[in-house]
């Protein structure tokens, strides 16, 4: 009889944990990667060594997550400048104007070479929607 109660308690606990349903690390990585590598930035750097370092539920529909990852540059800052000068209205770097993107890249990353790595830490907010968890923009 006691064994049945223990098993029932374990099943209820497992069921409640499944219902609480925070996104797993892979889902979080996918959302962060998609957010970072937009507007042509996937041509500038890749994201590696992603890790969720902490997380807590602010409410049933809000999950706050601490993450860390590395950005690995695929080209140098000088190469980016050359590309934009050659084709200032081209598709690289998406919606950003050439002067704006160069200023933003330089202020965020400074001068960099292909292969350079930057360690990043971030706090991201996820909202539970009808279609699942989504990264707050």
Protein backbone atom coordinates (compact mmCIF):
# COMPACT_ATOMS: atom_id res chain seq x y z
CA UNK A 1 0.00 0.00 0.00
CA UNK A 2 2.80 2.46 0.90
CA UNK A 3 4.62 1.57 -2.30
CA UNK A 4 1.51 2.45 -4.36
CA UNK A 5 1.30 5.83 -2.63
CA UNK A 6 4.96 6.53 -3.33
CA UNK A 7 4.56 5.58 -6.98
CA UNK A 8 1.41 7.72 -7.28
CA UNK A 9 3.21 10.66 -5.66
CA UNK A 10 6.15 10.29 -8.03
CA UNK A 11 3.84 10.15 -11.05
CA UNK A 12 1.95 13.26 -9.94
CA UNK A 13 5.25 15.09 -9.35
CA UNK A 14 6.52 14.11 -12.79
CA UNK A 15 3.25 15.19 -14.37
CA UNK A 16 3.33 18.57 -12.63
CA UNK A 17 6.95 19.10 -13.68
CA UNK A 18 6.01 18.34 -17.28
CA UNK A 19 3.12 20.79 -17.12
CA UNK A 20 5.34 23.55 -15.81
CA UNK A 21 7.16 23.05 -19.08
CA UNK A 22 9.99 25.54 -19.22
CA UNK A 23 11.90 25.30 -22.50
CA UNK A 24 14.92 23.02 -22.55
CA UNK A 25 18.45 24.25 -23.20
CA UNK A 26 18.34 23.33 -26.91
CA UNK A 27 15.13 25.34 -27.44
CA UNK A 28 16.65 28.33 -25.66
CA UNK A 29 19.82 28.06 -27.75
CA UNK A 30 17.78 27.92 -30.96
CA UNK A 31 15.85 31.07 -30.00
CA UNK A 32 18.98 33.01 -28.99
CA UNK A 33 20.84 31.89 -32.12
CA UNK A 34 17.95 32.97 -34.37
CA UNK A 35 17.81 36.35 -32.64
CA UNK A 36 21.57 36.97 -32.91
CA UNK A 37 22.17 35.75 -36.43
CA UNK A 38 19.70 37.95 -38.30
CA UNK A 39 20.10 40.73 -40.83
CA UNK A 40 23.28 39.32 -42.34
CA UNK A 41 25.11 38.92 -39.05
CA UNK A 42 25.33 35.15 -39.63
CA UNK A 43 27.86 36.09 -42.31
CA UNK A 44 29.89 38.07 -39.75
CA UNK A 45 30.07 35.58 -36.87
CA UNK A 46 28.87 32.23 -35.60
CA UNK A 47 27.72 31.30 -32.11
CA UNK A 48 29.51 28.48 -30.27
CA UNK A 49 29.71 26.96 -26.80
CA UNK A 50 26.21 27.99 -25.75
CA UNK A 51 25.26 27.28 -22.14
CA UNK A 52 22.29 28.15 -19.97
CA UNK A 53 23.80 29.16 -16.62
CA UNK A 54 20.63 29.89 -14.65
CA UNK A 55 16.92 30.43 -15.04
CA UNK A 56 13.81 31.21 -13.03
CA UNK A 57 10.10 31.56 -13.62
CA UNK A 58 8.94 35.10 -13.05
CA UNK A 59 5.37 33.89 -13.61
CA UNK A 60 3.59 31.02 -15.34
CA UNK A 61 4.15 32.77 -18.69
CA UNK A 62 7.56 34.41 -18.19
CA UNK A 63 10.90 32.62 -17.86
CA UNK A 64 14.13 34.59 -17.31
CA UNK A 65 17.32 32.84 -18.41
CA UNK A 66 21.03 33.61 -17.99
CA UNK A 67 23.09 32.35 -20.92
CA UNK A 68 26.67 32.48 -22.10
CA UNK A 69 28.20 31.79 -25.49
CA UNK A 70 31.05 32.73 -27.76
CA UNK A 71 30.84 34.73 -30.95
CA UNK A 72 33.43 33.62 -33.49
CA UNK A 73 34.16 36.13 -36.23
CA UNK A 74 34.18 34.76 -39.77
CA UNK A 75 35.86 37.84 -41.25
CA UNK A 76 37.81 40.85 -40.07
CA UNK A 77 36.42 44.32 -39.47
CA UNK A 78 38.51 45.53 -42.42
CA UNK A 79 36.83 42.90 -44.66
CA UNK A 80 33.40 44.12 -43.54
CA UNK A 81 34.37 47.73 -44.34
CA UNK A 82 35.56 46.65 -47.82
CA UNK A 83 32.36 44.68 -48.51
CA UNK A 84 30.12 47.57 -47.55
CA UNK A 85 32.18 50.10 -49.52
CA UNK A 86 32.01 47.87 -52.61
CA UNK A 87 28.22 47.50 -52.35
CA UNK A 88 26.72 49.96 -49.82
CA UNK A 89 23.14 49.05 -50.77
CA UNK A 90 23.74 45.31 -51.03
CA UNK A 91 21.92 42.63 -49.07
CA UNK A 92 24.69 42.06 -46.52
CA UNK A 93 23.72 43.15 -43.01
CA UNK A 94 20.07 43.36 -43.91
CA UNK A 95 18.08 46.45 -43.13
CA UNK A 96 20.98 48.44 -41.69
CA UNK A 97 22.45 51.34 -43.63
CA UNK A 98 26.14 50.98 -44.36
CA UNK A 99 27.34 53.81 -42.07
CA UNK A 100 25.00 52.73 -39.30
CA UNK A 101 26.06 49.10 -39.41
CA UNK A 102 29.76 49.94 -39.44
CA UNK A 103 29.33 52.23 -36.44
CA UNK A 104 27.24 49.63 -34.59
CA UNK A 105 29.68 46.80 -35.33
CA UNK A 106 32.69 48.87 -34.31
CA UNK A 107 31.08 50.15 -31.09
CA UNK A 108 29.95 46.64 -30.10
CA UNK A 109 33.02 44.65 -31.11
CA UNK A 110 35.88 47.05 -31.84
CA UNK A 111 38.50 46.01 -34.38
CA UNK A 112 38.50 42.24 -34.88
CA UNK A 113 40.13 39.64 -37.07
CA UNK A 114 38.68 36.49 -38.60
CA UNK A 115 38.80 33.74 -35.97
CA UNK A 116 38.64 36.13 -32.98
CA UNK A 117 36.32 35.00 -30.20
CA UNK A 118 34.26 37.09 -27.82
CA UNK A 119 32.75 35.60 -24.67
CA UNK A 120 29.22 36.95 -24.13
CA UNK A 121 26.82 36.68 -21.22
CA UNK A 122 23.18 37.63 -21.57
CA UNK A 123 19.90 37.62 -19.72
CA UNK A 124 16.97 36.75 -21.97
CA UNK A 125 13.26 36.80 -21.29
CA UNK A 126 10.98 34.15 -22.72
CA UNK A 127 7.21 34.49 -22.93
CA UNK A 128 4.86 31.54 -23.09
CA UNK A 129 2.43 32.05 -25.97
CA UNK A 130 -0.25 29.94 -27.62
CA UNK A 131 2.47 28.69 -29.96
CA UNK A 132 4.98 27.87 -27.21
CA UNK A 133 7.85 29.80 -25.70
CA UNK A 134 9.17 32.81 -27.61
CA UNK A 135 12.08 35.14 -27.01
CA UNK A 136 11.00 38.65 -26.00
CA UNK A 137 12.35 41.20 -28.45
